[in-house]
Amino acid sequence: MTLLHPFAAAAAGLVLGVTALTAAHEPEAMTGPVLAPRCEADRLCGPSLPSFRVGDIALTEHLHLISRPGLYGLSTPPRGELYAVMDGQIVRIHADTAQVRSILRMAPQILD
């Protein structure tokens, strides 16, 4: 047995103890039945889809131009384009024509 053997055993015990303390806990079992949302044949369940597509012209009454992209986790938009929130979606639009270039993701709230 070497001189460092007790220290190695103590270090291993410490690592195992910290691992046990920080391990993810299993979620508690759910009480009661979980019901799936009721979907009708003509409706899509889940988050609503945007009412527009790439290539559409953005209507100003449905548009909020993003003045501070960093608040949304965005970098500076490409030259000649702007970021905006339209119908709850972050979109990239052409600065002159307001044509939707891409739909990036949902925006739960206006931050700027």
N, C-alpha and C. Protein backbone atom coordinates (compact mmCIF):
# COMPACT_ATOMS: atom_id res chain seq x y z
N MET A 1 0.85 -1.17 0.00
CA MET A 1 0.00 0.00 0.00
C MET A 1 0.89 1.23 0.00
N THR A 2 0.57 2.17 -0.90
CA THR A 2 1.38 3.39 -0.99
C THR A 2 0.86 4.44 -0.04
N LEU A 3 1.63 5.50 0.10
CA LEU A 3 1.27 6.60 0.97
C LEU A 3 0.04 7.34 0.46
N LEU A 4 -0.19 7.39 -0.86
CA LEU A 4 -1.30 8.13 -1.45
C LEU A 4 -2.60 7.33 -1.49
N HIS A 5 -2.55 6.06 -1.17
CA HIS A 5 -3.74 5.21 -1.25
C HIS A 5 -4.91 5.74 -0.40
N PRO A 6 -4.74 6.13 0.85
CA PRO A 6 -5.87 6.66 1.63
C PRO A 6 -6.46 7.93 1.02
N PHE A 7 -5.59 8.76 0.45
CA PHE A 7 -6.08 10.00 -0.18
C PHE A 7 -6.90 9.70 -1.43
N ALA A 8 -6.48 8.72 -2.20
CA ALA A 8 -7.23 8.34 -3.40
C ALA A 8 -8.60 7.77 -3.01
N ALA A 9 -8.65 7.00 -1.95
CA ALA A 9 -9.92 6.44 -1.50
C ALA A 9 -10.84 7.54 -1.01
N ALA A 10 -10.29 8.52 -0.30
CA ALA A 10 -11.10 9.64 0.19
C ALA A 10 -11.62 10.47 -0.97
N ALA A 11 -10.79 10.70 -1.99
CA ALA A 11 -11.21 11.48 -3.16
C ALA A 11 -12.31 10.75 -3.92
N ALA A 12 -12.18 9.45 -4.06
CA ALA A 12 -13.21 8.68 -4.75
C ALA A 12 -14.53 8.74 -3.98
N GLY A 13 -14.46 8.64 -2.66
CA GLY A 13 -15.67 8.74 -1.84
C GLY A 13 -16.32 10.10 -1.96
N LEU A 14 -15.51 11.15 -2.02
CA LEU A 14 -16.03 12.50 -2.17
C LEU A 14 -16.74 12.67 -3.51
N VAL A 15 -16.14 12.16 -4.56
CA VAL A 15 -16.75 12.26 -5.89
C VAL A 15 -18.07 11.50 -5.93
N LEU A 16 -18.11 10.32 -5.36
CA LEU A 16 -19.36 9.55 -5.33
C LEU A 16 -20.42 10.25 -4.50
N GLY A 17 -20.03 10.85 -3.38
CA GLY A 17 -20.98 11.57 -2.53
C GLY A 17 -21.57 12.78 -3.23
N VAL A 18 -20.72 13.57 -3.90
CA VAL A 18 -21.19 14.75 -4.63
C VAL A 18 -22.09 14.33 -5.78
N THR A 19 -21.73 13.26 -6.45
CA THR A 19 -22.55 12.76 -7.56
C THR A 19 -23.93 12.35 -7.06
N ALA A 20 -23.99 11.70 -5.92
CA ALA A 20 -25.28 11.27 -5.37
C ALA A 20 -26.13 12.47 -4.97
N LEU A 21 -25.50 13.52 -4.46
CA LEU A 21 -26.25 14.71 -4.05
C LEU A 21 -26.79 15.50 -5.22
N THR A 22 -26.04 15.52 -6.32
CA THR A 22 -26.44 16.35 -7.46
C THR A 22 -27.15 15.57 -8.54
N ALA A 23 -27.37 14.29 -8.35
CA ALA A 23 -28.04 13.48 -9.37
C ALA A 23 -29.49 13.94 -9.53
N ALA A 24 -29.98 13.83 -10.73
CA ALA A 24 -31.36 14.22 -11.02
C ALA A 24 -32.31 13.28 -10.30
N HIS A 25 -33.33 13.85 -9.74
CA HIS A 25 -34.33 13.05 -9.05
C HIS A 25 -35.38 12.60 -10.05
N GLU A 26 -35.91 11.41 -9.81
CA GLU A 26 -36.98 10.90 -10.65
C GLU A 26 -38.24 11.70 -10.36
N PRO A 27 -39.01 12.05 -11.37
CA PRO A 27 -40.26 12.77 -11.10
C PRO A 27 -41.25 11.87 -10.38
N GLU A 28 -42.06 12.50 -9.56
CA GLU A 28 -43.06 11.74 -8.82
C GLU A 28 -44.12 11.20 -9.78
N ALA A 29 -44.68 10.09 -9.41
CA ALA A 29 -45.72 9.50 -10.26
C ALA A 29 -46.93 10.43 -10.27
N MET A 30 -47.53 10.56 -11.44
CA MET A 30 -48.69 11.43 -11.59
C MET A 30 -49.90 10.76 -10.97
N THR A 31 -50.69 11.54 -10.26
CA THR A 31 -51.91 11.00 -9.68
C THR A 31 -53.07 11.35 -10.59
N GLY A 32 -53.79 10.39 -11.01
CA GLY A 32 -54.94 10.62 -11.87
C GLY A 32 -54.58 10.46 -13.33
N PRO A 33 -55.58 10.32 -14.16
CA PRO A 33 -55.34 10.11 -15.58
C PRO A 33 -54.89 11.40 -16.28
N VAL A 34 -54.09 11.23 -17.30
CA VAL A 34 -53.67 12.36 -18.13
C VAL A 34 -54.46 12.28 -19.42
N LEU A 35 -55.18 13.33 -19.72
CA LEU A 35 -56.02 13.32 -20.91
C LEU A 35 -55.34 14.11 -22.02
N ALA A 36 -55.33 13.56 -23.19
CA ALA A 36 -54.79 14.25 -24.35
C ALA A 36 -55.78 15.31 -24.80
N PRO A 37 -55.30 16.41 -25.41
CA PRO A 37 -56.24 17.42 -25.88
C PRO A 37 -57.15 16.83 -26.94
N ARG A 38 -58.38 17.28 -26.91
CA ARG A 38 -59.35 16.78 -27.88
C ARG A 38 -59.19 17.54 -29.18
N CYS A 39 -58.92 16.83 -30.24
CA CYS A 39 -58.72 17.45 -31.55
C CYS A 39 -59.91 17.14 -32.44
N GLU A 40 -60.30 18.12 -33.17
CA GLU A 40 -61.35 17.90 -34.15
C GLU A 40 -60.69 17.64 -35.49
N ALA A 41 -61.40 17.03 -36.38
CA ALA A 41 -60.82 16.59 -37.66
C ALA A 41 -60.28 17.75 -38.48
N ASP A 42 -60.88 18.94 -38.38
CA ASP A 42 -60.44 20.04 -39.23
C ASP A 42 -59.47 20.98 -38.53
N ARG A 43 -59.09 20.69 -37.28
CA ARG A 43 -58.19 21.57 -36.55
C ARG A 43 -56.90 20.84 -36.22
N LEU A 44 -55.82 21.59 -36.15
CA LEU A 44 -54.52 21.05 -35.78
C LEU A 44 -54.32 21.25 -34.29
N CYS A 45 -53.92 20.21 -33.58
CA CYS A 45 -53.67 20.33 -32.14
C CYS A 45 -52.25 20.85 -31.93
N GLY A 46 -52.04 21.47 -30.78
CA GLY A 46 -50.72 21.98 -30.44
C GLY A 46 -50.62 23.46 -30.73
N PRO A 47 -49.37 24.00 -30.74
CA PRO A 47 -49.20 25.43 -30.99
C PRO A 47 -49.76 25.82 -32.35
N SER A 48 -50.34 26.99 -32.39
CA SER A 48 -50.94 27.41 -33.65
C SER A 48 -49.86 27.74 -34.67
N LEU A 49 -50.15 27.43 -35.89
CA LEU A 49 -49.22 27.73 -36.98
C LEU A 49 -49.37 29.18 -37.38
N PRO A 50 -48.29 29.80 -37.89
CA PRO A 50 -48.42 31.19 -38.32
C PRO A 50 -49.45 31.34 -39.43
N SER A 51 -50.06 32.52 -39.47
CA SER A 51 -51.09 32.78 -40.48
C SER A 51 -50.48 33.29 -41.78
N PHE A 52 -49.17 33.17 -41.91
CA PHE A 52 -48.47 33.67 -43.09
C PHE A 52 -47.38 32.67 -43.45
N ARG A 53 -46.80 32.86 -44.65
CA ARG A 53 -45.73 31.99 -45.11
C ARG A 53 -44.57 32.83 -45.61
N VAL A 54 -43.44 32.18 -45.79
CA VAL A 54 -42.29 32.85 -46.40
C VAL A 54 -42.69 33.30 -47.79
N GLY A 55 -42.38 34.55 -48.11
CA GLY A 55 -42.75 35.12 -49.40
C GLY A 55 -43.94 36.05 -49.31
N ASP A 56 -44.74 35.95 -48.25
CA ASP A 56 -45.87 36.87 -48.07
C ASP A 56 -45.35 38.26 -47.73
N ILE A 57 -46.17 39.25 -47.98
CA ILE A 57 -45.87 40.63 -47.61
C ILE A 57 -46.46 40.88 -46.23
N ALA A 58 -45.61 41.36 -45.32
CA ALA A 58 -46.05 41.60 -43.94
C ALA A 58 -46.96 42.82 -43.89
N LEU A 59 -48.05 42.70 -43.16
CA LEU A 59 -48.97 43.81 -42.96
C LEU A 59 -48.53 44.60 -41.73
N THR A 60 -48.47 45.92 -41.84
CA THR A 60 -47.94 46.74 -40.76
C THR A 60 -48.75 46.63 -39.48
N GLU A 61 -50.05 46.39 -39.58
CA GLU A 61 -50.85 46.30 -38.35
C GLU A 61 -50.57 45.02 -37.56
N HIS A 62 -49.90 44.04 -38.16
CA HIS A 62 -49.55 42.78 -37.49
C HIS A 62 -48.05 42.71 -37.20
N LEU A 63 -47.34 43.82 -37.34
CA LEU A 63 -45.88 43.79 -37.34
C LEU A 63 -45.31 44.67 -36.23
N HIS A 64 -44.35 44.16 -35.49
CA HIS A 64 -43.58 44.94 -34.53
C HIS A 64 -42.12 44.81 -34.94
N LEU A 65 -41.50 45.89 -35.37
CA LEU A 65 -40.10 45.86 -35.76
C LEU A 65 -39.23 45.74 -34.52
N ILE A 66 -38.27 44.84 -34.57
CA ILE A 66 -37.36 44.62 -33.45
C ILE A 66 -36.23 45.63 -33.54
N SER A 67 -36.12 46.48 -32.52
CA SER A 67 -35.08 47.51 -32.51
C SER A 67 -33.82 47.04 -31.79
N ARG A 68 -33.94 46.04 -30.93
CA ARG A 68 -32.80 45.53 -30.18
C ARG A 68 -32.75 44.00 -30.32
N PRO A 69 -32.15 43.50 -31.40
CA PRO A 69 -32.16 42.06 -31.67
C PRO A 69 -31.52 41.22 -30.56
N GLY A 70 -30.55 41.77 -29.85
CA GLY A 70 -29.88 41.02 -28.80
C GLY A 70 -30.82 40.57 -27.70
N LEU A 71 -31.89 41.31 -27.45
CA LEU A 71 -32.86 40.90 -26.43
C LEU A 71 -33.55 39.60 -26.80
N TYR A 72 -33.59 39.30 -28.09
CA TYR A 72 -34.23 38.08 -28.58
C TYR A 72 -33.21 36.99 -28.91
N GLY A 73 -31.94 37.24 -28.59
CA GLY A 73 -30.90 36.27 -28.91
C GLY A 73 -30.50 36.28 -30.37
N LEU A 74 -30.73 37.40 -31.04
CA LEU A 74 -30.42 37.52 -32.46
C LEU A 74 -29.21 38.43 -32.66
N SER A 75 -28.49 38.21 -33.73
CA SER A 75 -27.39 39.11 -34.10
C SER A 75 -27.95 40.18 -35.03
N THR A 76 -27.08 41.01 -35.55
CA THR A 76 -27.51 42.04 -36.49
C THR A 76 -28.06 41.37 -37.75
N PRO A 77 -29.20 41.84 -38.25
CA PRO A 77 -29.77 41.20 -39.45
C PRO A 77 -28.90 41.46 -40.67
N PRO A 78 -29.02 40.64 -41.69
CA PRO A 78 -28.27 40.87 -42.92
C PRO A 78 -28.62 42.23 -43.53
N ARG A 79 -27.72 42.76 -44.30
CA ARG A 79 -27.93 44.07 -44.93
C ARG A 79 -29.21 44.06 -45.76
N GLY A 80 -30.03 45.10 -45.55
CA GLY A 80 -31.27 45.23 -46.31
C GLY A 80 -32.44 44.46 -45.72
N GLU A 81 -32.24 43.88 -44.54
CA GLU A 81 -33.32 43.11 -43.91
C GLU A 81 -33.49 43.54 -42.46
N LEU A 82 -34.65 43.23 -41.90
CA LEU A 82 -34.99 43.58 -40.53
C LEU A 82 -35.58 42.37 -39.84
N TYR A 83 -35.49 42.37 -38.50
CA TYR A 83 -36.20 41.37 -37.71
C TYR A 83 -37.47 42.01 -37.21
N ALA A 84 -38.51 41.21 -37.09
CA ALA A 84 -39.79 41.71 -36.60
C ALA A 84 -40.53 40.58 -35.90
N VAL A 85 -41.52 40.96 -35.10
CA VAL A 85 -42.45 40.00 -34.51
C VAL A 85 -43.77 40.18 -35.23
N MET A 86 -44.26 39.08 -35.79
CA MET A 86 -45.51 39.12 -36.54
C MET A 86 -46.36 37.94 -36.11
N ASP A 87 -47.54 38.24 -35.57
CA ASP A 87 -48.47 37.20 -35.10
C ASP A 87 -47.78 36.21 -34.16
N GLY A 88 -46.92 36.72 -33.25
CA GLY A 88 -46.27 35.88 -32.26
C GLY A 88 -45.06 35.12 -32.76
N GLN A 89 -44.60 35.40 -33.97
CA GLN A 89 -43.43 34.74 -34.54
C GLN A 89 -42.34 35.76 -34.84
N ILE A 90 -41.08 35.40 -34.58
CA ILE A 90 -39.97 36.25 -35.00
C ILE A 90 -39.69 35.92 -36.46
N VAL A 91 -39.70 36.97 -37.28
CA VAL A 91 -39.48 36.79 -38.72
C VAL A 91 -38.37 37.73 -39.18
N ARG A 92 -37.80 37.39 -40.32
CA ARG A 92 -36.83 38.26 -41.00
C ARG A 92 -37.52 38.75 -42.25
N ILE A 93 -37.58 40.09 -42.42
CA ILE A 93 -38.28 40.66 -43.57
C ILE A 93 -37.33 41.55 -44.37
N HIS A 94 -37.66 41.75 -45.64
CA HIS A 94 -36.92 42.67 -46.50
C HIS A 94 -37.26 44.09 -46.07
N ALA A 95 -36.27 44.94 -45.91
CA ALA A 95 -36.48 46.28 -45.37
C ALA A 95 -37.33 47.15 -46.29
N ASP A 96 -37.24 47.00 -47.60
CA ASP A 96 -37.97 47.86 -48.52
C ASP A 96 -39.35 47.32 -48.88
N THR A 97 -39.47 46.02 -49.09
CA THR A 97 -40.73 45.46 -49.57
C THR A 97 -41.57 44.80 -48.47
N ALA A 98 -41.00 44.58 -47.29
CA ALA A 98 -41.65 43.90 -46.17
C ALA A 98 -42.01 42.45 -46.51
N GLN A 99 -41.32 41.86 -47.47
CA GLN A 99 -41.55 40.46 -47.81
C GLN A 99 -40.91 39.59 -46.72
N VAL A 100 -41.65 38.59 -46.26
CA VAL A 100 -41.14 37.68 -45.24
C VAL A 100 -40.08 36.79 -45.87
N ARG A 101 -38.86 36.88 -45.36
CA ARG A 101 -37.75 36.08 -45.88
C ARG A 101 -37.61 34.76 -45.14
N SER A 102 -37.84 34.78 -43.81
CA SER A 102 -37.79 33.54 -43.05
C SER A 102 -38.58 33.70 -41.75
N ILE A 103 -39.09 32.57 -41.27
CA ILE A 103 -39.79 32.51 -39.99
C ILE A 103 -38.83 31.81 -39.04
N LEU A 104 -38.38 32.53 -38.01
CA LEU A 104 -37.33 32.01 -37.15
C LEU A 104 -37.86 31.15 -36.01
N ARG A 105 -38.73 31.73 -35.19
CA ARG A 105 -39.26 30.97 -34.05
C ARG A 105 -40.37 31.78 -33.39
N MET A 106 -41.00 31.18 -32.38
CA MET A 106 -42.06 31.87 -31.64
C MET A 106 -41.44 32.93 -30.74
N ALA A 107 -42.22 34.00 -30.52
CA ALA A 107 -41.84 35.06 -29.60
C ALA A 107 -42.97 35.19 -28.58
N PRO A 108 -42.79 34.66 -27.37
CA PRO A 108 -43.88 34.68 -26.41
C PRO A 108 -44.28 36.09 -25.96
N GLN A 109 -43.36 37.05 -26.07
CA GLN A 109 -43.68 38.42 -25.69
C GLN A 109 -42.76 39.39 -26.43
N ILE A 110 -43.19 40.65 -26.48
CA ILE A 110 -42.39 41.72 -27.07
C ILE A 110 -41.41 42.19 -26.02
N LEU A 111 -40.14 42.23 -26.34
CA LEU A 111 -39.11 42.57 -25.36
C LEU A 111 -38.54 43.97 -25.54
N ASP A 112 -38.79 44.62 -26.67
CA ASP A 112 -38.23 45.97 -26.88
C ASP A 112 -39.32 46.96 -27.26
